C-alpha atoms as a PDB file:
ATOM      1  CA  MET A   1      15.432  43.429  11.942  1.00  0.00           C
ATOM      2  CA  ALA A   2      17.382  40.396  13.288  1.00  0.00           C
ATOM      3  CA  ASP A   3      14.398  38.386  13.192  1.00  0.00           C
ATOM      4  CA  GLU A   4      14.050  38.945   9.451  1.00  0.00           C
ATOM      5  CA  GLU A   5      17.555  38.293   8.862  1.00  0.00           C
ATOM      6  CA  ASP A   6      17.108  34.830  10.725  1.00  0.00           C
ATOM      7  CA  GLU A   7      13.938  34.039   8.560  1.00  0.00           C
ATOM      8  CA  LEU A   8      15.809  35.030   5.301  1.00  0.00           C
ATOM      9  CA  ASP A   9      18.867  32.510   6.341  1.00  0.00           C
ATOM     10  CA  GLU A  10      16.485  29.738   7.197  1.00  0.00           C
ATOM     11  CA  GLN A  11      14.645  29.947   3.690  1.00  0.00           C
ATOM     12  CA  GLU A  12      18.093  29.997   1.925  1.00  0.00           C
ATOM     13  CA  LEU A  13      18.889  27.076   3.830  1.00  0.00           C
ATOM     14  CA  ASP A  14      15.789  24.984   3.258  1.00  0.00           C
ATOM     15  CA  ASP A  15      15.786  24.251  -0.472  1.00  0.00           C
ATOM     16  CA  GLY A  16      12.818  21.936  -0.269  1.00  0.00           C
ATOM     17  CA  SER A  17      14.982  18.757  -1.092  1.00  0.00           C
ATOM     18  CA  GLY A  18      14.057  17.336   2.058  1.00  0.00           C
ATOM     19  CA  GLY A  19      17.596  16.646   3.068  1.00  0.00           C
ATOM     20  CA  THR A  20      18.564  14.711  -0.177  1.00  0.00           C
ATOM     21  CA  ASP A  21      21.600  15.224  -2.338  1.00  0.00           C
ATOM     22  CA  VAL A  22      21.438  18.586  -4.281  1.00  0.00           C
ATOM     23  CA  CYS A  23      23.561  19.054  -7.368  1.00  0.00           C
ATOM     24  CA  HIS A  24      23.320  22.328  -9.183  1.00  0.00           C
ATOM     25  CA  GLY A  25      20.001  23.126  -7.796  1.00  0.00           C
ATOM     26  CA  ARG A  26      18.610  19.806  -8.905  1.00  0.00           C
ATOM     27  CA  ARG A  27      18.186  16.858  -6.758  1.00  0.00           C
ATOM     28  CA  LYS A  28      20.163  13.744  -7.568  1.00  0.00           C
ATOM     29  CA  ARG A  29      18.007  11.133  -9.410  1.00  0.00           C
ATOM     30  CA  LEU A  30      18.312   7.653  -7.957  1.00  0.00           C
ATOM     31  CA  PHE A  31      15.747   5.496  -9.375  1.00  0.00           C
ATOM     32  CA  SER A  32      14.888   7.243 -12.864  1.00  0.00           C
ATOM     33  CA  LYS A  33      16.351   4.498 -14.977  1.00  0.00           C
ATOM     34  CA  GLU A  34      14.396   1.725 -13.143  1.00  0.00           C
ATOM     35  CA  LEU A  35      11.221   3.937 -13.111  1.00  0.00           C
ATOM     36  CA  ARG A  36      11.542   4.421 -16.788  1.00  0.00           C
ATOM     37  CA  CYS A  37      11.739   0.635 -17.510  1.00  0.00           C
ATOM     38  CA  MET A  38       9.054  -0.004 -15.041  1.00  0.00           C
ATOM     39  CA  MET A  39       6.730   2.570 -16.809  1.00  0.00           C
ATOM     40  CA  TYR A  40       7.205   1.060 -20.247  1.00  0.00           C
ATOM     41  CA  GLY A  41       6.521  -2.501 -18.749  1.00  0.00           C
ATOM     42  CA  PHE A  42       3.233  -1.244 -17.319  1.00  0.00           C
ATOM     43  CA  GLY A  43       2.249   0.294 -20.772  1.00  0.00           C
ATOM     44  CA  ASP A  44       3.705   3.914 -20.864  1.00  0.00           C
ATOM     45  CA  ASP A  45       5.747   5.107 -23.634  1.00  0.00           C
ATOM     46  CA  GLN A  46       9.420   3.941 -24.256  1.00  0.00           C
ATOM     47  CA  ASN A  47      10.678   7.477 -23.064  1.00  0.00           C
ATOM     48  CA  PRO A  48       8.264   8.891 -20.775  1.00  0.00           C
ATOM     49  CA  TYR A  49       8.229  12.428 -19.929  1.00  0.00           C
ATOM     50  CA  THR A  50      10.639  13.611 -17.353  1.00  0.00           C
ATOM     51  CA  GLU A  51       8.264  15.179 -15.316  1.00  0.00           C
ATOM     52  CA  SER A  52       6.369  12.100 -14.949  1.00  0.00           C
ATOM     53  CA  VAL A  53       9.417  10.128 -14.048  1.00  0.00           C
ATOM     54  CA  ASP A  54      10.395  12.895 -11.405  1.00  0.00           C
ATOM     55  CA  ILE A  55       7.006  12.687  -9.659  1.00  0.00           C
ATOM     56  CA  LEU A  56       6.943   8.903  -9.621  1.00  0.00           C
ATOM     57  CA  GLU A  57      10.721   9.366  -8.088  1.00  0.00           C
ATOM     58  CA  ASP A  58       9.468  11.679  -5.575  1.00  0.00           C
ATOM     59  CA  LEU A  59       6.743   9.438  -4.426  1.00  0.00           C
ATOM     60  CA  VAL A  60       8.922   6.344  -4.259  1.00  0.00           C
ATOM     61  CA  ILE A  61      11.539   8.428  -2.125  1.00  0.00           C
ATOM     62  CA  GLU A  62       8.767   9.670   0.204  1.00  0.00           C
ATOM     63  CA  PHE A  63       7.402   6.201   0.582  1.00  0.00           C
ATOM     64  CA  ILE A  64      10.832   4.744   1.449  1.00  0.00           C
ATOM     65  CA  THR A  65      11.620   7.593   3.908  1.00  0.00           C
ATOM     66  CA  GLU A  66       8.312   7.212   5.578  1.00  0.00           C
ATOM     67  CA  MET A  67       8.494   3.389   5.902  1.00  0.00           C
ATOM     68  CA  THR A  68      12.076   3.556   7.197  1.00  0.00           C
ATOM     69  CA  HIS A  69      11.339   6.221   9.860  1.00  0.00           C
ATOM     70  CA  LYS A  70       8.293   3.961  10.962  1.00  0.00           C
ATOM     71  CA  ALA A  71      10.664   0.860  10.788  1.00  0.00           C
ATOM     72  CA  MET A  72      13.127   2.600  13.019  1.00  0.00           C
ATOM     73  CA  SER A  73      10.568   3.776  15.619  1.00  0.00           C
ATOM     74  CA  ILE A  74       9.446  -0.062  16.209  1.00  0.00           C
ATOM     75  CA  GLY A  75      11.696  -2.858  17.253  1.00  0.00           C
ATOM     76  CA  ARG A  76      15.077  -2.019  18.080  1.00  0.00           C
ATOM     77  CA  GLN A  77      15.441   1.709  18.344  1.00  0.00           C
ATOM     78  CA  GLY A  78      17.684   3.300  15.480  1.00  0.00           C
ATOM     79  CA  ARG A  79      17.778  -0.011  13.385  1.00  0.00           C
ATOM     80  CA  VAL A  80      15.880  -1.249  10.463  1.00  0.00           C
ATOM     81  CA  GLN A  81      15.296  -4.849  10.298  1.00  0.00           C
ATOM     82  CA  VAL A  82      13.569  -7.030   7.980  1.00  0.00           C
ATOM     83  CA  GLU A  83      11.061  -8.099  10.390  1.00  0.00           C
ATOM     84  CA  ASP A  84      10.272  -4.644  11.202  1.00  0.00           C
ATOM     85  CA  ILE A  85       9.314  -3.983   7.369  1.00  0.00           C
ATOM     86  CA  VAL A  86       7.272  -7.182   7.492  1.00  0.00           C
ATOM     87  CA  PHE A  87       5.362  -6.022  10.430  1.00  0.00           C
ATOM     88  CA  LEU A  88       4.580  -2.407   8.849  1.00  0.00           C
ATOM     89  CA  ILE A  89       3.061  -3.993   5.776  1.00  0.00           C
ATOM     90  CA  ARG A  90       1.168  -7.107   7.208  1.00  0.00           C
ATOM     91  CA  LYS A  91      -2.083  -5.263   6.716  1.00  0.00           C
ATOM     92  CA  ASP A  92      -1.694  -4.594   2.930  1.00  0.00           C
ATOM     93  CA  PRO A  93      -2.151  -8.242   1.423  1.00  0.00           C
ATOM     94  CA  ARG A  94      -0.545  -7.407  -1.938  1.00  0.00           C
ATOM     95  CA  LYS A  95       2.719  -5.985  -0.484  1.00  0.00           C
ATOM     96  CA  PHE A  96       2.727  -8.689   2.406  1.00  0.00           C
ATOM     97  CA  ALA A  97       2.435 -11.504  -0.390  1.00  0.00           C
ATOM     98  CA  ARG A  98       5.434  -9.842  -2.522  1.00  0.00           C
ATOM     99  CA  VAL A  99       7.625  -9.361   0.577  1.00  0.00           C
ATOM    100  CA  LYS A 100       7.018 -12.879   1.587  1.00  0.00           C
ATOM    101  CA  ASP A 101       7.772 -14.089  -2.106  1.00  0.00           C
ATOM    102  CA  LEU A 102      11.119 -12.036  -2.376  1.00  0.00           C
ATOM    103  CA  LEU A 103      12.340 -13.315   1.141  1.00  0.00           C
ATOM    104  CA  THR A 104      11.539 -17.014   0.236  1.00  0.00           C
ATOM    105  CA  MET A 105      13.435 -16.293  -3.139  1.00  0.00           C
ATOM    106  CA  ASN A 106      16.321 -14.910  -1.176  1.00  0.00           C
ATOM    107  CA  GLU A 107      16.738 -17.795   1.125  1.00  0.00           C
ATOM    108  CA  GLU A 108      16.288 -20.292  -2.161  1.00  0.00           C
ATOM    109  CA  LEU A 109      19.209 -18.242  -3.596  1.00  0.00           C
ATOM    110  CA  LYS A 110      21.315 -18.479  -0.563  1.00  0.00           C
ATOM    111  CA  ARG A 111      21.080 -22.316  -0.360  1.00  0.00           C
ATOM    112  CA  ALA A 112      21.390 -22.478  -3.949  1.00  0.00           C
ATOM    113  CA  ARG A 113      24.765 -20.554  -3.779  1.00  0.00           C
ATOM    114  CA  LYS A 114      25.955 -22.641  -0.758  1.00  0.00           C
ATOM    115  CA  ALA A 115      25.302 -25.872  -2.512  1.00  0.00           C
ATOM    116  CA  PHE A 116      26.955 -24.644  -5.708  1.00  0.00           C
ATOM    117  CA  ASP A 117      30.085 -23.443  -3.489  1.00  0.00           C
ATOM    118  CA  GLU A 118      30.438 -26.568  -1.863  1.00  0.00           C
ATOM    119  CA  ALA A 119      30.132 -28.663  -4.931  1.00  0.00           C
ATOM    120  CA  ASN A 120      32.652 -26.430  -6.800  1.00  0.00           C
ATOM    121  CA  TYR A 121      35.063 -26.012  -3.855  1.00  0.00           C
ATOM    122  CA  GLY A 122      34.613 -29.150  -1.992  1.00  0.00           C
ATOM    123  CA  SER A 123      34.173 -27.975   1.470  1.00  0.00           C
END
């Protein structure tokens, strides 16, 4: 009898959300606005079905979670660093090229901001 109660308690606690925020039985959506815009940009309807956006968001969150867990297991334990992410995607040429482009643009923006601040504030 006690075993059955323990199983019921575990089932009630596990809502299937994978530890994400749950608000009134529904998961908090983090990327729906961005995903809707991306879907429209890739040829979907301007207002795609909510179910489609939800499925894509589940996939995105699953991907981010898996990559984060993998990145935490390599390099410095318990920390995610840019080098760890680059290491994980090194075998996927498209992702690797995109990450390299984004990192290069980030460095260029940092240099431009620094030059702008020096020009305006005369450091």
